[in-house]
Amino acid sequence: MQSKKPVSFNKKIIKAPEITISYNPRLTRKPTIVCSIDTYVLFLDYFPKNTIQLQERVAVMFLNHTQKVLGIYLLSVGGMTCSIADIRLIFSVALKTASTGIMIANYVK
């Protein structure tokens, strides 16, 4: 059996970048989502009343299997007519937090 040699290119060893994943839940008592009103109340802080008519925003709530809120991520703050929601960012945060549920809120004029 041959021993595996490191990947090399022109006699130089090629290294891959290291990936670090971390998630630090700060609250010990997480709110539980029972109905849509609970979701609405938690999302209110991410849509300020003084700019809600001016700027579009997208926020994402991440839940565990018992509908407890793991956290809310302000995904995008856009302009007056649009805000971008990148699915890769949503899923990367969901994987990082080991979420089983996702709720997305977007204010549209």
PDB file of N, CA and C in Angstrom:
ATOM      1  N   MET A   1       0.836  -1.176   0.000  1.00  0.00           N
ATOM      2  CA  MET A   1       0.000   0.000   0.000  1.00  0.00           C
ATOM      3  C   MET A   1       0.883   1.242   0.000  1.00  0.00           C
ATOM      4  N   GLN A   2       0.590   2.155  -0.896  1.00  0.00           N
ATOM      5  CA  GLN A   2       1.384   3.374  -0.990  1.00  0.00           C
ATOM      6  C   GLN A   2       0.934   4.384   0.061  1.00  0.00           C
ATOM      7  N   SER A   3       1.911   5.121   0.589  1.00  0.00           N
ATOM      8  CA  SER A   3       1.559   6.193   1.515  1.00  0.00           C
ATOM      9  C   SER A   3       1.106   7.401   0.714  1.00  0.00           C
ATOM     10  N   LYS A   4       0.139   8.108   1.247  1.00  0.00           N
ATOM     11  CA  LYS A   4      -0.378   9.275   0.541  1.00  0.00           C
ATOM     12  C   LYS A   4       0.566  10.450   0.711  1.00  0.00           C
ATOM     13  N   LYS A   5       0.837  11.117  -0.366  1.00  0.00           N
ATOM     14  CA  LYS A   5       1.703  12.289  -0.341  1.00  0.00           C
ATOM     15  C   LYS A   5       0.840  13.538  -0.265  1.00  0.00           C
ATOM     16  N   PRO A   6       1.370  14.613   0.327  1.00  0.00           N
ATOM     17  CA  PRO A   6       0.601  15.855   0.362  1.00  0.00           C
ATOM     18  C   PRO A   6       0.409  16.406  -1.041  1.00  0.00           C
ATOM     19  N   VAL A   7      -0.701  17.106  -1.218  1.00  0.00           N
ATOM     20  CA  VAL A   7      -0.968  17.739  -2.508  1.00  0.00           C
ATOM     21  C   VAL A   7       0.083  18.810  -2.736  1.00  0.00           C
ATOM     22  N   SER A   8       0.730  18.746  -3.873  1.00  0.00           N
ATOM     23  CA  SER A   8       1.760  19.750  -4.138  1.00  0.00           C
ATOM     24  C   SER A   8       1.651  20.250  -5.567  1.00  0.00           C
ATOM     25  N   PHE A   9       2.116  21.429  -5.763  1.00  0.00           N
ATOM     26  CA  PHE A   9       2.139  22.063  -7.074  1.00  0.00           C
ATOM     27  C   PHE A   9       3.481  22.747  -7.209  1.00  0.00           C
ATOM     28  N   ASN A  10       4.273  22.291  -8.175  1.00  0.00           N
ATOM     29  CA  ASN A  10       5.627  22.821  -8.357  1.00  0.00           C
ATOM     30  C   ASN A  10       6.451  22.738  -7.071  1.00  0.00           C
ATOM     31  N   LYS A  11       6.381  21.581  -6.405  1.00  0.00           N
ATOM     32  CA  LYS A  11       7.167  21.298  -5.199  1.00  0.00           C
ATOM     33  C   LYS A  11       6.781  22.145  -3.992  1.00  0.00           C
ATOM     34  N   LYS A  12       5.641  22.858  -4.051  1.00  0.00           N
ATOM     35  CA  LYS A  12       5.163  23.636  -2.911  1.00  0.00           C
ATOM     36  C   LYS A  12       3.906  22.961  -2.373  1.00  0.00           C
ATOM     37  N   ILE A  13       3.814  22.857  -1.072  1.00  0.00           N
ATOM     38  CA  ILE A  13       2.647  22.235  -0.458  1.00  0.00           C
ATOM     39  C   ILE A  13       1.498  23.247  -0.450  1.00  0.00           C
ATOM     40  N   ILE A  14       0.345  22.792  -0.905  1.00  0.00           N
ATOM     41  CA  ILE A  14      -0.833  23.640  -0.947  1.00  0.00           C
ATOM     42  C   ILE A  14      -1.648  23.375   0.316  1.00  0.00           C
ATOM     43  N   LYS A  15      -2.036  24.430   1.018  1.00  0.00           N
ATOM     44  CA  LYS A  15      -2.828  24.303   2.226  1.00  0.00           C
ATOM     45  C   LYS A  15      -4.215  24.890   1.989  1.00  0.00           C
ATOM     46  N   ALA A  16      -5.212  24.269   2.587  1.00  0.00           N
ATOM     47  CA  ALA A  16      -6.579  24.783   2.513  1.00  0.00           C
ATOM     48  C   ALA A  16      -6.836  25.666   3.724  1.00  0.00           C
ATOM     49  N   PRO A  17      -7.659  26.706   3.569  1.00  0.00           N
ATOM     50  CA  PRO A  17      -7.962  27.567   4.714  1.00  0.00           C
ATOM     51  C   PRO A  17      -8.786  26.825   5.762  1.00  0.00           C
ATOM     52  N   GLU A  18      -8.545  27.156   7.015  1.00  0.00           N
ATOM     53  CA  GLU A  18      -9.267  26.531   8.116  1.00  0.00           C
ATOM     54  C   GLU A  18     -10.608  27.225   8.297  1.00  0.00           C
ATOM     55  N   ILE A  19     -11.649  26.442   8.556  1.00  0.00           N
ATOM     56  CA  ILE A  19     -12.983  26.978   8.775  1.00  0.00           C
ATOM     57  C   ILE A  19     -13.328  26.815  10.248  1.00  0.00           C
ATOM     58  N   THR A  20     -13.754  27.893  10.866  1.00  0.00           N
ATOM     59  CA  THR A  20     -14.158  27.866  12.266  1.00  0.00           C
ATOM     60  C   THR A  20     -15.627  28.242  12.348  1.00  0.00           C
ATOM     61  N   ILE A  21     -16.410  27.442  13.054  1.00  0.00           N
ATOM     62  CA  ILE A  21     -17.830  27.706  13.224  1.00  0.00           C
ATOM     63  C   ILE A  21     -18.099  27.874  14.704  1.00  0.00           C
ATOM     64  N   SER A  22     -18.793  28.959  15.052  1.00  0.00           N
ATOM     65  CA  SER A  22     -19.118  29.172  16.459  1.00  0.00           C
ATOM     66  C   SER A  22     -20.516  29.751  16.596  1.00  0.00           C
ATOM     67  N   TYR A  23     -21.153  29.430  17.690  1.00  0.00           N
ATOM     68  CA  TYR A  23     -22.471  29.954  18.034  1.00  0.00           C
ATOM     69  C   TYR A  23     -22.525  30.027  19.547  1.00  0.00           C
ATOM     70  N   ASN A  24     -22.759  31.209  20.082  1.00  0.00           N
ATOM     71  CA  ASN A  24     -22.782  31.404  21.527  1.00  0.00           C
ATOM     72  C   ASN A  24     -24.144  31.933  21.949  1.00  0.00           C
ATOM     73  N   PRO A  25     -25.046  31.059  22.373  1.00  0.00           N
ATOM     74  CA  PRO A  25     -26.337  31.550  22.845  1.00  0.00           C
ATOM     75  C   PRO A  25     -26.154  32.295  24.157  1.00  0.00           C
ATOM     76  N   ARG A  26     -26.647  33.501  24.228  1.00  0.00           N
ATOM     77  CA  ARG A  26     -26.438  34.343  25.415  1.00  0.00           C
ATOM     78  C   ARG A  26     -27.588  34.263  26.409  1.00  0.00           C
ATOM     79  N   LEU A  27     -28.768  33.963  25.919  1.00  0.00           N
ATOM     80  CA  LEU A  27     -29.926  33.897  26.810  1.00  0.00           C
ATOM     81  C   LEU A  27     -30.126  32.471  27.308  1.00  0.00           C
ATOM     82  N   THR A  28     -30.389  32.338  28.591  1.00  0.00           N
ATOM     83  CA  THR A  28     -30.661  31.004  29.121  1.00  0.00           C
ATOM     84  C   THR A  28     -32.141  30.657  28.943  1.00  0.00           C
ATOM     85  N   ARG A  29     -33.006  31.661  29.028  1.00  0.00           N
ATOM     86  CA  ARG A  29     -34.441  31.447  28.802  1.00  0.00           C
ATOM     87  C   ARG A  29     -34.778  31.962  27.409  1.00  0.00           C
ATOM     88  N   LYS A  30     -35.025  31.058  26.508  1.00  0.00           N
ATOM     89  CA  LYS A  30     -35.350  31.434  25.138  1.00  0.00           C
ATOM     90  C   LYS A  30     -36.868  31.513  24.987  1.00  0.00           C
ATOM     91  N   PRO A  31     -37.355  32.552  24.273  1.00  0.00           N
ATOM     92  CA  PRO A  31     -38.804  32.628  24.065  1.00  0.00           C
ATOM     93  C   PRO A  31     -39.289  31.486  23.176  1.00  0.00           C
ATOM     94  N   THR A  32     -40.522  31.060  23.408  1.00  0.00           N
ATOM     95  CA  THR A  32     -41.143  30.002  22.621  1.00  0.00           C
ATOM     96  C   THR A  32     -42.212  30.607  21.724  1.00  0.00           C
ATOM     97  N   ILE A  33     -42.237  30.173  20.482  1.00  0.00           N
ATOM     98  CA  ILE A  33     -43.240  30.642  19.534  1.00  0.00           C
ATOM     99  C   ILE A  33     -44.451  29.721  19.626  1.00  0.00           C
ATOM    100  N   VAL A  34     -45.593  30.299  20.014  1.00  0.00           N
ATOM    101  CA  VAL A  34     -46.833  29.549  20.119  1.00  0.00           C
ATOM    102  C   VAL A  34     -47.792  29.950  19.007  1.00  0.00           C
ATOM    103  N   CYS A  35     -47.787  31.247  18.669  1.00  0.00           N
ATOM    104  CA  CYS A  35     -48.682  31.741  17.626  1.00  0.00           C
ATOM    105  C   CYS A  35     -47.985  32.871  16.857  1.00  0.00           C
ATOM    106  N   SER A  36     -48.630  33.354  15.834  1.00  0.00           N
ATOM    107  CA  SER A  36     -48.025  34.385  14.987  1.00  0.00           C
ATOM    108  C   SER A  36     -47.794  35.699  15.735  1.00  0.00           C
ATOM    109  N   ILE A  37     -48.563  35.973  16.754  1.00  0.00           N
ATOM    110  CA  ILE A  37     -48.376  37.198  17.548  1.00  0.00           C
ATOM    111  C   ILE A  37     -47.015  37.172  18.239  1.00  0.00           C
ATOM    112  N   ASP A  38     -46.597  36.012  18.727  1.00  0.00           N
ATOM    113  CA  ASP A  38     -45.279  35.890  19.362  1.00  0.00           C
ATOM    114  C   ASP A  38     -44.173  36.264  18.381  1.00  0.00           C
ATOM    115  N   THR A  39     -44.305  35.797  17.155  1.00  0.00           N
ATOM    116  CA  THR A  39     -43.320  36.114  16.114  1.00  0.00           C
ATOM    117  C   THR A  39     -43.315  37.600  15.829  1.00  0.00           C
ATOM    118  N   TYR A  40     -44.486  38.174  15.686  1.00  0.00           N
ATOM    119  CA  TYR A  40     -44.625  39.607  15.403  1.00  0.00           C
ATOM    120  C   TYR A  40     -43.945  40.450  16.481  1.00  0.00           C
ATOM    121  N   VAL A  41     -44.210  40.132  17.739  1.00  0.00           N
ATOM    122  CA  VAL A  41     -43.648  40.899  18.855  1.00  0.00           C
ATOM    123  C   VAL A  41     -42.122  40.816  18.870  1.00  0.00           C
ATOM    124  N   LEU A  42     -41.569  39.642  18.604  1.00  0.00           N
ATOM    125  CA  LEU A  42     -40.107  39.496  18.607  1.00  0.00           C
ATOM    126  C   LEU A  42     -39.451  40.202  17.422  1.00  0.00           C
ATOM    127  N   PHE A  43     -40.118  40.227  16.276  1.00  0.00           N
ATOM    128  CA  PHE A  43     -39.564  40.895  15.098  1.00  0.00           C
ATOM    129  C   PHE A  43     -39.658  42.422  15.176  1.00  0.00           C
ATOM    130  N   LEU A  44     -40.511  42.960  16.047  1.00  0.00           N
ATOM    131  CA  LEU A  44     -40.714  44.415  16.112  1.00  0.00           C
ATOM    132  C   LEU A  44     -39.419  45.204  16.320  1.00  0.00           C
ATOM    133  N   ASP A  45     -38.512  44.685  17.126  1.00  0.00           N
ATOM    134  CA  ASP A  45     -37.258  45.394  17.403  1.00  0.00           C
ATOM    135  C   ASP A  45     -36.375  45.527  16.166  1.00  0.00           C
ATOM    136  N   TYR A  46     -36.591  44.691  15.178  1.00  0.00           N
ATOM    137  CA  TYR A  46     -35.744  44.702  13.984  1.00  0.00           C
ATOM    138  C   TYR A  46     -36.309  45.572  12.865  1.00  0.00           C
ATOM    139  N   PHE A  47     -37.473  46.170  13.105  1.00  0.00           N
ATOM    140  CA  PHE A  47     -38.092  47.074  12.149  1.00  0.00           C
ATOM    141  C   PHE A  47     -38.460  48.375  12.883  1.00  0.00           C
ATOM    142  N   PRO A  48     -37.494  49.301  13.028  1.00  0.00           N
ATOM    143  CA  PRO A  48     -37.744  50.531  13.787  1.00  0.00           C
ATOM    144  C   PRO A  48     -38.878  51.356  13.177  1.00  0.00           C
ATOM    145  N   LYS A  49     -39.730  51.879  14.037  1.00  0.00           N
ATOM    146  CA  LYS A  49     -40.883  52.655  13.577  1.00  0.00           C
ATOM    147  C   LYS A  49     -40.479  53.920  12.827  1.00  0.00           C
ATOM    148  N   ASN A  50     -39.346  54.518  13.197  1.00  0.00           N
ATOM    149  CA  ASN A  50     -38.951  55.777  12.550  1.00  0.00           C
ATOM    150  C   ASN A  50     -38.411  55.586  11.135  1.00  0.00           C
ATOM    151  N   THR A  51     -38.032  54.358  10.749  1.00  0.00           N
ATOM    152  CA  THR A  51     -37.535  54.138   9.382  1.00  0.00           C
ATOM    153  C   THR A  51     -38.320  53.073   8.627  1.00  0.00           C
ATOM    154  N   ILE A  52     -39.410  52.576   9.199  1.00  0.00           N
ATOM    155  CA  ILE A  52     -40.125  51.474   8.554  1.00  0.00           C
ATOM    156  C   ILE A  52     -40.737  51.885   7.221  1.00  0.00           C
ATOM    157  N   GLN A  53     -41.096  53.141   7.058  1.00  0.00           N
ATOM    158  CA  GLN A  53     -41.639  53.615   5.786  1.00  0.00           C
ATOM    159  C   GLN A  53     -40.547  54.031   4.810  1.00  0.00           C
ATOM    160  N   LEU A  54     -39.304  54.077   5.276  1.00  0.00           N
ATOM    161  CA  LEU A  54     -38.208  54.577   4.446  1.00  0.00           C
ATOM    162  C   LEU A  54     -37.328  53.471   3.880  1.00  0.00           C
ATOM    163  N   GLN A  55     -36.946  52.516   4.708  1.00  0.00           N
ATOM    164  CA  GLN A  55     -36.006  51.480   4.294  1.00  0.00           C
ATOM    165  C   GLN A  55     -36.615  50.099   4.437  1.00  0.00           C
ATOM    166  N   GLU A  56     -36.348  49.257   3.433  1.00  0.00           N
ATOM    167  CA  GLU A  56     -36.776  47.865   3.531  1.00  0.00           C
ATOM    168  C   GLU A  56     -35.733  47.066   4.300  1.00  0.00           C
ATOM    169  N   ARG A  57     -36.201  46.095   5.080  1.00  0.00           N
ATOM    170  CA  ARG A  57     -35.328  45.232   5.868  1.00  0.00           C
ATOM    171  C   ARG A  57     -35.797  43.788   5.763  1.00  0.00           C
ATOM    172  N   VAL A  58     -34.847  42.873   5.943  1.00  0.00           N
ATOM    173  CA  VAL A  58     -35.158  41.449   6.004  1.00  0.00           C
ATOM    174  C   VAL A  58     -34.507  40.905   7.270  1.00  0.00           C
ATOM    175  N   ALA A  59     -35.308  40.273   8.119  1.00  0.00           N
ATOM    176  CA  ALA A  59     -34.803  39.652   9.340  1.00  0.00           C
ATOM    177  C   ALA A  59     -35.212  38.180   9.336  1.00  0.00           C
ATOM    178  N   VAL A  60     -34.375  37.333   9.919  1.00  0.00           N
ATOM    179  CA  VAL A  60     -34.629  35.900   9.942  1.00  0.00           C
ATOM    180  C   VAL A  60     -34.583  35.408  11.381  1.00  0.00           C
ATOM    181  N   MET A  61     -35.605  34.658  11.777  1.00  0.00           N
ATOM    182  CA  MET A  61     -35.674  34.057  13.103  1.00  0.00           C
ATOM    183  C   MET A  61     -35.346  32.573  12.973  1.00  0.00           C
ATOM    184  N   PHE A  62     -34.485  32.092  13.854  1.00  0.00           N
ATOM    185  CA  PHE A  62     -34.072  30.692  13.836  1.00  0.00           C
ATOM    186  C   PHE A  62     -34.615  29.989  15.074  1.00  0.00           C
ATOM    187  N   LEU A  63     -35.228  28.825  14.856  1.00  0.00           N
ATOM    188  CA  LEU A  63     -35.902  28.083  15.923  1.00  0.00           C
ATOM    189  C   LEU A  63     -35.330  26.683  16.057  1.00  0.00           C
ATOM    190  N   ASN A  64     -35.442  26.120  17.272  1.00  0.00           N
ATOM    191  CA  ASN A  64     -35.074  24.715  17.450  1.00  0.00           C
ATOM    192  C   ASN A  64     -36.325  23.850  17.297  1.00  0.00           C
ATOM    193  N   HIS A  65     -36.213  22.575  17.571  1.00  0.00           N
ATOM    194  CA  HIS A  65     -37.322  21.646  17.347  1.00  0.00           C
ATOM    195  C   HIS A  65     -38.505  21.846  18.294  1.00  0.00           C
ATOM    196  N   THR A  66     -38.307  22.561  19.396  1.00  0.00           N
ATOM    197  CA  THR A  66     -39.403  22.846  20.323  1.00  0.00           C
ATOM    198  C   THR A  66     -39.959  24.256  20.150  1.00  0.00           C
ATOM    199  N   GLN A  67     -39.657  24.879  19.028  1.00  0.00           N
ATOM    200  CA  GLN A  67     -40.115  26.229  18.678  1.00  0.00           C
ATOM    201  C   GLN A  67     -39.557  27.312  19.602  1.00  0.00           C
ATOM    202  N   LYS A  68     -38.433  27.036  20.233  1.00  0.00           N
ATOM    203  CA  LYS A  68     -37.743  28.061  21.018  1.00  0.00           C
ATOM    204  C   LYS A  68     -36.849  28.856  20.082  1.00  0.00           C
ATOM    205  N   VAL A  69     -36.804  30.161  20.295  1.00  0.00           N
ATOM    206  CA  VAL A  69     -36.043  31.051  19.426  1.00  0.00           C
ATOM    207  C   VAL A  69     -34.560  30.970  19.782  1.00  0.00           C
ATOM    208  N   LEU A  70     -33.767  30.555  18.816  1.00  0.00           N
ATOM    209  CA  LEU A  70     -32.318  30.508  19.004  1.00  0.00           C
ATOM    210  C   LEU A  70     -31.696  31.880  18.781  1.00  0.00           C
ATOM    211  N   GLY A  71     -32.320  32.671  17.937  1.00  0.00           N
ATOM    212  CA  GLY A  71     -31.822  34.010  17.673  1.00  0.00           C
ATOM    213  C   GLY A  71     -32.497  34.609  16.453  1.00  0.00           C
ATOM    214  N   ILE A  72     -32.300  35.908  16.302  1.00  0.00           N
ATOM    215  CA  ILE A  72     -32.807  36.637  15.144  1.00  0.00           C
ATOM    216  C   ILE A  72     -31.616  37.318  14.485  1.00  0.00           C
ATOM    217  N   TYR A  73     -31.533  37.186  13.182  1.00  0.00           N
ATOM    218  CA  TYR A  73     -30.429  37.739  12.401  1.00  0.00           C
ATOM    219  C   TYR A  73     -30.979  38.778  11.433  1.00  0.00           C
ATOM    220  N   LEU A  74     -30.483  40.011  11.530  1.00  0.00           N
ATOM    221  CA  LEU A  74     -30.868  41.054  10.577  1.00  0.00           C
ATOM    222  C   LEU A  74     -30.081  40.795   9.309  1.00  0.00           C
ATOM    223  N   LEU A  75     -30.732  40.212   8.332  1.00  0.00           N
ATOM    224  CA  LEU A  75     -30.069  39.758   7.116  1.00  0.00           C
ATOM    225  C   LEU A  75     -29.718  40.899   6.190  1.00  0.00           C
ATOM    226  N   SER A  76     -30.625  41.855   6.029  1.00  0.00           N
ATOM    227  CA  SER A  76     -30.394  42.888   5.035  1.00  0.00           C
ATOM    228  C   SER A  76     -31.126  44.167   5.392  1.00  0.00           C
ATOM    229  N   VAL A  77     -30.450  45.286   5.188  1.00  0.00           N
ATOM    230  CA  VAL A  77     -31.075  46.599   5.256  1.00  0.00           C
ATOM    231  C   VAL A  77     -30.879  47.203   3.874  1.00  0.00           C
ATOM    232  N   GLY A  78     -31.966  47.379   3.161  1.00  0.00           N
ATOM    233  CA  GLY A  78     -31.891  47.832   1.784  1.00  0.00           C
ATOM    234  C   GLY A  78     -32.190  49.307   1.640  1.00  0.00           C
ATOM    235  N   GLY A  79     -32.629  49.644   0.466  1.00  0.00           N
ATOM    236  CA  GLY A  79     -32.979  51.017   0.156  1.00  0.00           C
ATOM    237  C   GLY A  79     -34.470  51.231   0.274  1.00  0.00           C
ATOM    238  N   MET A  80     -34.956  52.176  -0.491  1.00  0.00           N
ATOM    239  CA  MET A  80     -36.378  52.514  -0.432  1.00  0.00           C
ATOM    240  C   MET A  80     -37.243  51.520  -1.195  1.00  0.00           C
ATOM    241  N   THR A  81     -36.666  50.820  -2.165  1.00  0.00           N
ATOM    242  CA  THR A  81     -37.487  49.952  -3.004  1.00  0.00           C
ATOM    243  C   THR A  81     -37.116  48.472  -2.951  1.00  0.00           C
ATOM    244  N   CYS A  82     -35.968  48.123  -2.372  1.00  0.00           N
ATOM    245  CA  CYS A  82     -35.609  46.707  -2.359  1.00  0.00           C
ATOM    246  C   CYS A  82     -34.632  46.395  -1.232  1.00  0.00           C
ATOM    247  N   SER A  83     -34.601  45.127  -0.903  1.00  0.00           N
ATOM    248  CA  SER A  83     -33.652  44.597   0.062  1.00  0.00           C
ATOM    249  C   SER A  83     -33.308  43.181  -0.392  1.00  0.00           C
ATOM    250  N   ILE A  84     -32.048  42.825  -0.358  1.00  0.00           N
ATOM    251  CA  ILE A  84     -31.588  41.540  -0.873  1.00  0.00           C
ATOM    252  C   ILE A  84     -31.586  40.495   0.247  1.00  0.00           C
ATOM    253  N   ALA A  85     -32.150  39.338  -0.044  1.00  0.00           N
ATOM    254  CA  ALA A  85     -32.122  38.212   0.892  1.00  0.00           C
ATOM    255  C   ALA A  85     -31.307  37.096   0.246  1.00  0.00           C
ATOM    256  N   ASP A  86     -30.079  36.939   0.688  1.00  0.00           N
ATOM    257  CA  ASP A  86     -29.185  35.930   0.123  1.00  0.00           C
ATOM    258  C   ASP A  86     -29.427  34.602   0.832  1.00  0.00           C
ATOM    259  N   ILE A  87     -29.920  33.620   0.088  1.00  0.00           N
ATOM    260  CA  ILE A  87     -30.260  32.321   0.658  1.00  0.00           C
ATOM    261  C   ILE A  87     -29.038  31.632   1.252  1.00  0.00           C
ATOM    262  N   ARG A  88     -27.856  31.900   0.705  1.00  0.00           N
ATOM    263  CA  ARG A  88     -26.640  31.278   1.242  1.00  0.00           C
ATOM    264  C   ARG A  88     -26.359  31.758   2.659  1.00  0.00           C
ATOM    265  N   LEU A  89     -26.617  33.038   2.932  1.00  0.00           N
ATOM    266  CA  LEU A  89     -26.433  33.554   4.292  1.00  0.00           C
ATOM    267  C   LEU A  89     -27.460  32.962   5.255  1.00  0.00           C
ATOM    268  N   ILE A  90     -28.694  32.847   4.793  1.00  0.00           N
ATOM    269  CA  ILE A  90     -29.749  32.279   5.643  1.00  0.00           C
ATOM    270  C   ILE A  90     -29.391  30.848   6.050  1.00  0.00           C
ATOM    271  N   PHE A  91     -29.004  30.039   5.062  1.00  0.00           N
ATOM    272  CA  PHE A  91     -28.694  28.646   5.368  1.00  0.00           C
ATOM    273  C   PHE A  91     -27.391  28.498   6.143  1.00  0.00           C
ATOM    274  N   SER A  92     -26.429  29.382   5.922  1.00  0.00           N
ATOM    275  CA  SER A  92     -25.185  29.264   6.690  1.00  0.00           C
ATOM    276  C   SER A  92     -25.427  29.548   8.172  1.00  0.00           C
ATOM    277  N   VAL A  93     -26.263  30.539   8.479  1.00  0.00           N
ATOM    278  CA  VAL A  93     -26.593  30.819   9.882  1.00  0.00           C
ATOM    279  C   VAL A  93     -27.453  29.689  10.454  1.00  0.00           C
ATOM    280  N   ALA A  94     -28.368  29.154   9.657  1.00  0.00           N
ATOM    281  CA  ALA A  94     -29.210  28.043  10.129  1.00  0.00           C
ATOM    282  C   ALA A  94     -28.363  26.823  10.460  1.00  0.00           C
ATOM    283  N   LEU A  95     -27.384  26.536   9.637  1.00  0.00           N
ATOM    284  CA  LEU A  95     -26.502  25.404   9.914  1.00  0.00           C
ATOM    285  C   LEU A  95     -25.619  25.668  11.127  1.00  0.00           C
ATOM    286  N   LYS A  96     -25.147  26.899  11.245  1.00  0.00           N
ATOM    287  CA  LYS A  96     -24.278  27.249  12.370  1.00  0.00           C
ATOM    288  C   LYS A  96     -25.007  27.128  13.705  1.00  0.00           C
ATOM    289  N   THR A  97     -26.294  27.454  13.718  1.00  0.00           N
ATOM    290  CA  THR A  97     -27.063  27.412  14.957  1.00  0.00           C
ATOM    291  C   THR A  97     -27.811  26.091  15.141  1.00  0.00           C
ATOM    292  N   ALA A  98     -27.667  25.174  14.196  1.00  0.00           N
ATOM    293  CA  ALA A  98     -28.363  23.883  14.214  1.00  0.00           C
ATOM    294  C   ALA A  98     -29.872  24.066  14.317  1.00  0.00           C
ATOM    295  N   SER A  99     -30.386  25.029  13.569  1.00  0.00           N
ATOM    296  CA  SER A  99     -31.819  25.335  13.580  1.00  0.00           C
ATOM    297  C   SER A  99     -32.613  24.280  12.832  1.00  0.00           C
ATOM    298  N   THR A 100     -33.835  24.055  13.304  1.00  0.00           N
ATOM    299  CA  THR A 100     -34.750  23.183  12.588  1.00  0.00           C
ATOM    300  C   THR A 100     -35.914  23.960  11.993  1.00  0.00           C
ATOM    301  N   GLY A 101     -36.017  25.239  12.352  1.00  0.00           N
ATOM    302  CA  GLY A 101     -37.068  26.092  11.811  1.00  0.00           C
ATOM    303  C   GLY A 101     -36.534  27.470  11.479  1.00  0.00           C
ATOM    304  N   ILE A 102     -37.102  28.062  10.436  1.00  0.00           N
ATOM    305  CA  ILE A 102     -36.694  29.397   9.989  1.00  0.00           C
ATOM    306  C   ILE A 102     -37.956  30.207   9.715  1.00  0.00           C
ATOM    307  N   MET A 103     -37.986  31.456  10.201  1.00  0.00           N
ATOM    308  CA  MET A 103     -39.054  32.395   9.851  1.00  0.00           C
ATOM    309  C   MET A 103     -38.399  33.635   9.284  1.00  0.00           C
ATOM    310  N   ILE A 104     -38.913  34.111   8.168  1.00  0.00           N
ATOM    311  CA  ILE A 104     -38.328  35.275   7.497  1.00  0.00           C
ATOM    312  C   ILE A 104     -39.365  36.391   7.506  1.00  0.00           C
ATOM    313  N   ALA A 105     -38.940  37.597   7.908  1.00  0.00           N
ATOM    314  CA  ALA A 105     -39.814  38.763   7.918  1.00  0.00           C
ATOM    315  C   ALA A 105     -39.225  39.831   7.013  1.00  0.00           C
ATOM    316  N   ASN A 106     -40.088  40.428   6.195  1.00  0.00           N
ATOM    317  CA  ASN A 106     -39.684  41.480   5.279  1.00  0.00           C
ATOM    318  C   ASN A 106     -40.790  42.525   5.258  1.00  0.00           C
ATOM    319  N   TYR A 107     -40.400  43.771   5.437  1.00  0.00           N
ATOM    320  CA  TYR A 107     -41.379  44.832   5.348  1.00  0.00           C
ATOM    321  C   TYR A 107     -41.420  45.330   3.908  1.00  0.00           C
ATOM    322  N   VAL A 108     -42.613  45.342   3.327  1.00  0.00           N
ATOM    323  CA  VAL A 108     -42.801  45.827   1.957  1.00  0.00           C
ATOM    324  C   VAL A 108     -43.814  46.957   2.010  1.00  0.00           C
ATOM    325  N   LYS A 109     -43.455  48.083   1.364  1.00  0.00           N
ATOM    326  CA  LYS A 109     -44.375  49.237   1.342  1.00  0.00           C
ATOM    327  C   LYS A 109     -45.557  48.984   0.465  1.00  0.00           C
TER     328      LYS A 109
END
